[in-house]
Protein backbone atom coordinates (compact mmCIF):
# COMPACT_ATOMS: atom_id res chain seq x y z
CA MET A 1 -219.62 6.32 -106.00
CA LYS A 2 -218.11 3.83 -103.57
CA LEU A 3 -220.68 2.40 -101.16
CA LYS A 4 -219.97 0.57 -97.90
CA ALA A 5 -222.27 -2.35 -97.14
CA LEU A 6 -223.03 -4.41 -94.05
CA ILE A 7 -224.71 -7.81 -94.54
CA VAL A 8 -226.81 -9.18 -91.68
CA ASP A 9 -228.07 -12.74 -92.10
CA ASP A 10 -228.00 -15.66 -89.66
CA GLU A 11 -227.38 -18.14 -92.50
CA LYS A 12 -223.65 -18.00 -93.23
CA GLU A 13 -223.91 -19.62 -96.65
CA VAL A 14 -226.61 -17.17 -97.74
CA ALA A 15 -224.61 -14.19 -96.47
CA ASN A 16 -221.47 -15.34 -98.26
CA ALA A 17 -223.45 -15.91 -101.46
CA LEU A 18 -224.75 -12.33 -101.29
CA ARG A 19 -221.23 -11.01 -100.72
CA LEU A 20 -220.02 -12.91 -103.79
CA LEU A 21 -222.98 -11.73 -105.87
CA LEU A 22 -222.23 -8.12 -104.96
CA THR A 23 -218.60 -8.59 -106.00
CA TYR A 24 -219.65 -9.60 -109.50
CA THR A 25 -222.68 -7.38 -110.05
CA CYS A 26 -221.85 -4.24 -108.04
CA PRO A 27 -218.06 -3.83 -107.89
CA ASP A 28 -218.38 -0.34 -106.41
CA VAL A 29 -220.04 -1.83 -103.28
CA GLU A 30 -217.53 -2.74 -100.58
CA VAL A 31 -218.79 -5.30 -98.06
CA ILE A 32 -217.19 -4.04 -94.84
CA ASP A 33 -218.62 -6.74 -92.58
CA VAL A 34 -220.94 -9.75 -92.41
CA CYS A 35 -222.89 -10.38 -89.19
CA HIS A 36 -225.03 -13.35 -88.23
CA SER A 37 -227.05 -11.87 -85.35
CA VAL A 38 -228.69 -8.61 -84.37
CA VAL A 39 -226.31 -8.18 -81.42
CA ASP A 40 -223.21 -8.47 -83.61
CA ALA A 41 -224.77 -6.18 -86.20
CA ILE A 42 -225.35 -3.42 -83.63
CA LYS A 43 -221.69 -3.52 -82.56
CA SER A 44 -220.43 -3.53 -86.14
CA PHE A 45 -222.75 -0.74 -87.25
CA LYS A 46 -221.63 1.65 -84.49
CA ILE A 47 -218.01 1.29 -85.56
CA LYS A 48 -218.26 1.08 -89.34
CA LEU A 49 -221.35 3.15 -90.24
CA PRO A 50 -222.26 1.51 -93.58
CA ASP A 51 -224.10 3.23 -96.43
CA ILE A 52 -226.22 0.15 -97.16
CA LEU A 53 -227.61 -2.44 -94.76
CA PHE A 54 -228.58 -5.73 -96.39
CA LEU A 55 -230.88 -7.01 -93.68
CA ASP A 56 -232.49 -10.39 -93.16
CA ILE A 57 -235.72 -10.35 -91.14
CA GLU A 58 -236.14 -13.62 -89.29
CA MET A 59 -233.09 -14.40 -87.15
CA PRO A 60 -232.50 -16.08 -83.78
CA GLY A 61 -232.42 -13.63 -80.87
CA GLY A 62 -234.20 -10.79 -82.66
CA ASN A 63 -235.39 -9.85 -86.14
CA GLY A 64 -234.25 -7.22 -88.59
CA PHE A 65 -236.86 -4.72 -87.43
CA ASP A 66 -235.44 -4.94 -83.89
CA LEU A 67 -232.09 -3.74 -85.25
CA LEU A 68 -233.68 -0.67 -86.84
CA GLU A 69 -235.24 0.26 -83.50
CA VAL A 70 -231.87 0.68 -81.76
CA ILE A 71 -230.01 2.50 -84.53
CA ASP A 72 -229.78 6.27 -84.22
CA LYS A 73 -232.30 7.59 -86.77
CA ASP A 74 -229.85 10.28 -87.88
CA LYS A 75 -227.32 7.60 -88.82
CA LEU A 76 -229.74 5.11 -90.32
CA PRO A 77 -228.26 3.69 -93.54
CA HIS A 78 -230.20 2.78 -96.65
CA ILE A 79 -231.96 -0.51 -95.94
CA ILE A 80 -232.37 -3.34 -98.43
CA PHE A 81 -234.25 -6.22 -96.84
CA THR A 82 -233.27 -9.72 -97.97
CA THR A 83 -235.70 -12.40 -96.88
CA ALA A 84 -237.52 -15.55 -97.88
CA HIS A 85 -240.75 -14.25 -96.36
CA SER A 86 -242.91 -12.08 -98.61
CA GLU A 87 -245.43 -11.30 -95.83
CA TYR A 88 -243.11 -8.65 -94.37
CA ALA A 89 -243.05 -6.51 -97.51
CA ILE A 90 -245.55 -3.86 -96.38
CA ARG A 91 -243.89 -3.43 -92.97
CA ALA A 92 -240.48 -3.21 -94.65
CA ILE A 93 -241.57 -0.43 -96.99
CA LYS A 94 -243.23 1.45 -94.12
CA SER A 95 -239.94 1.26 -92.19
CA GLY A 96 -238.33 3.31 -94.96
CA ALA A 97 -236.51 0.50 -96.77
CA VAL A 98 -235.14 1.31 -100.22
CA ASP A 99 -236.00 -2.15 -101.52
CA TYR A 100 -237.15 -5.63 -100.56
CA LEU A 101 -235.47 -8.65 -102.16
CA LEU A 102 -236.82 -12.17 -101.90
CA LYS A 103 -234.41 -15.09 -101.58
CA PRO A 104 -232.91 -16.55 -103.63
CA ILE A 105 -231.81 -13.11 -104.72
CA ASP A 106 -232.04 -12.35 -108.42
CA PRO A 107 -228.85 -10.60 -109.67
CA ASP A 108 -230.79 -8.09 -111.79
CA GLU A 109 -233.02 -7.17 -108.85
CA LEU A 110 -229.93 -6.71 -106.67
CA VAL A 111 -228.40 -4.31 -109.20
CA THR A 112 -231.66 -2.38 -109.38
CA ALA A 113 -231.83 -2.10 -105.58
CA VAL A 114 -228.25 -0.80 -105.32
CA ASP A 115 -228.96 1.70 -108.12
CA LYS A 116 -231.85 3.04 -106.04
CA VAL A 117 -229.43 3.65 -103.16
CA ARG A 118 -227.02 5.47 -105.49
CA LYS A 119 -229.79 7.77 -106.69
CA VAL A 120 -230.90 8.55 -103.14
CA LYS A 121 -227.29 9.21 -102.04
CA ASN A 122 -226.69 11.52 -105.00
CA SER A 123 -229.87 13.40 -104.22
CA GLU A 124 -228.83 13.78 -100.57
CA LEU A 125 -225.41 15.12 -101.53
CA LYS A 126 -226.93 17.71 -103.87
CA SER A 127 -229.47 18.91 -101.33
CA LYS A 128 -227.19 18.84 -98.27
CA PRO A 129 -226.53 22.37 -96.98
CA ALA A 130 -222.96 23.51 -96.53
CA GLN A 131 -221.75 22.76 -93.00
CA LYS A 132 -220.36 25.46 -90.78
CA GLY A 133 -216.76 24.88 -89.86
CA SER A 134 -214.52 22.03 -90.87
CA VAL A 135 -215.55 18.39 -90.32
CA ALA A 136 -211.93 17.26 -90.61
CA ILE A 137 -208.73 18.06 -88.79
CA PRO A 138 -205.20 17.96 -90.23
CA VAL A 139 -202.84 15.37 -88.76
CA THR A 140 -199.12 15.53 -89.49
CA THR A 141 -197.51 12.10 -89.75
CA SER A 142 -194.10 10.85 -90.88
CA LYS A 143 -195.56 10.48 -94.39
CA GLY A 144 -197.02 13.96 -94.56
CA ILE A 145 -200.33 15.60 -93.69
CA MET A 146 -203.59 13.67 -93.70
CA PHE A 147 -207.10 14.80 -92.75
CA LEU A 148 -209.15 12.88 -90.19
CA ASN A 149 -212.91 13.20 -90.02
CA LYS A 150 -213.82 14.30 -86.50
CA GLU A 151 -216.57 11.67 -86.45
CA ASP A 152 -213.92 8.96 -86.81
CA ILE A 153 -212.00 9.94 -83.66
CA ILE A 154 -213.04 7.87 -80.63
CA PHE A 155 -210.77 9.52 -78.06
CA ILE A 156 -207.56 11.49 -77.67
CA LYS A 157 -204.87 10.62 -75.13
CA ALA A 158 -202.24 13.04 -73.82
CA GLU A 159 -198.63 11.97 -74.35
CA GLY A 160 -196.66 14.84 -72.82
CA ARG A 161 -196.34 17.56 -75.47
CA TYR A 162 -197.90 15.17 -77.98
CA SER A 163 -201.36 13.63 -78.39
CA GLN A 164 -202.44 10.21 -79.59
CA LEU A 165 -205.67 10.00 -81.61
CA PHE A 166 -207.53 6.67 -81.57
CA CYS A 167 -209.91 6.12 -84.48
CA ARG A 168 -212.77 3.86 -85.59
CA ASP A 169 -210.60 2.06 -88.12
CA GLU A 170 -208.54 0.76 -85.14
CA LYS A 171 -205.59 2.95 -86.14
CA SER A 172 -203.96 5.55 -83.92
CA TYR A 173 -201.94 8.63 -84.78
CA THR A 174 -199.36 10.44 -82.64
CA VAL A 175 -199.29 14.15 -83.42
CA CYS A 176 -197.15 17.07 -82.30
CA LYS A 177 -199.98 18.93 -80.59
CA ASN A 178 -200.88 18.93 -76.91
CA ILE A 179 -204.25 17.82 -75.58
CA GLY A 180 -205.13 21.33 -74.41
CA GLU A 181 -205.14 22.56 -77.99
CA TYR A 182 -207.52 19.78 -79.00
CA GLU A 183 -209.78 20.54 -76.04
CA GLU A 184 -210.25 24.08 -77.34
CA GLU A 185 -210.53 23.07 -80.98
CA LEU A 186 -213.10 20.29 -80.50
CA SER A 187 -215.22 21.66 -77.66
CA ALA A 188 -218.11 22.48 -80.00
CA ASP A 189 -218.16 19.02 -81.61
CA PHE A 190 -219.43 16.87 -78.74
CA PHE A 191 -215.92 16.13 -77.47
CA PHE A 192 -215.33 16.37 -73.71
CA ARG A 193 -212.18 16.26 -71.60
CA VAL A 194 -213.16 13.76 -68.89
CA HIS A 195 -209.65 13.54 -67.45
CA LYS A 196 -206.42 15.51 -67.68
CA SER A 197 -205.11 12.82 -70.02
CA TYR A 198 -208.22 12.08 -72.11
CA ILE A 199 -210.69 13.79 -74.43
CA ILE A 200 -213.54 11.55 -75.59
CA ASN A 201 -215.98 11.75 -78.49
CA CYS A 202 -219.30 11.46 -76.63
CA LYS A 203 -220.97 10.03 -79.74
CA HIS A 204 -218.86 6.90 -79.29
CA VAL A 205 -219.64 6.24 -75.61
CA VAL A 206 -221.20 2.81 -75.08
CA LYS A 207 -221.59 2.82 -71.30
CA ILE A 208 -221.03 5.08 -68.28
CA ASN A 209 -220.08 3.49 -64.95
CA SER A 210 -220.64 5.96 -62.12
CA THR A 211 -218.81 4.01 -59.40
CA ASP A 212 -216.40 6.37 -57.57
CA GLY A 213 -215.33 8.98 -60.11
CA GLY A 214 -216.51 6.53 -62.73
CA PHE A 215 -215.41 5.61 -66.22
CA VAL A 216 -216.78 5.50 -69.75
CA GLU A 217 -216.59 2.53 -72.07
CA MET A 218 -215.99 3.50 -75.69
CA ILE A 219 -217.02 1.58 -78.82
CA ASN A 220 -213.51 0.13 -79.13
CA LYS A 221 -213.87 -1.41 -75.61
CA LYS A 222 -211.42 1.07 -74.07
CA GLU A 223 -212.40 2.11 -70.52
CA ILE A 224 -211.48 5.71 -69.70
CA GLU A 225 -211.51 7.19 -66.22
CA ILE A 226 -213.69 10.19 -65.44
CA SER A 227 -211.92 12.43 -62.92
CA LYS A 228 -214.04 13.22 -59.84
CA ARG A 229 -213.87 16.96 -60.44
CA LYS A 230 -215.11 16.50 -64.02
CA LYS A 231 -217.98 14.11 -63.26
CA GLY A 232 -220.72 16.69 -62.59
CA GLU A 233 -219.73 18.85 -65.53
CA PHE A 234 -219.64 15.80 -67.79
CA ILE A 235 -223.17 14.72 -66.84
CA GLN A 236 -224.45 18.24 -67.50
CA PHE A 237 -222.65 18.28 -70.87
CA LEU A 238 -224.43 15.08 -71.92
CA LYS A 239 -227.81 16.56 -71.01
């Protein structure tokens, strides 16, 4: 099972050492990002949604527990605390952490911690009920048909008879399907057509500016206009 990991530690050398240690001891763990502050970690997490969060506790500008407070509980990854301070162990376990590793990190203890995550993930997959409807949509490209997870789509832009899908991996796909078709297809999945040219995934909205008609800022920093006639309906949809 491939696992995506985010490392959060204000000490760059320590973070890089952990990345290297994971490469040698847990080759099935892909480190998708390394952050050195809580603020950067929040931004990275919203875009990349890791399976494991290797989290330091004491950092400038906020500690590891502060980060857990702002993460959507439904999307909370499996936490492995990495710290030089043993006094936080009880609080870490109470926060739902899978494990608690003291620095310098012992390779065997790291492997054991990652194995715990694997077991929990496997248990979740076995017990997860079948979802109603498809979570992916087919996208026809020049290379054939691929399937995009709806969760990965940030917004859709109308391009005449075509549509352009912008995704979390910073890629975009132009497909031979108009935006009206997507409006109907995705209406039950927290997507909303805020403008004649745009459908947004409301789960990826970072900020709403209500000046004039207003606009939304998405997680990829794109600002999208909300048409005046859609504003009231949009606010009600979010409620």
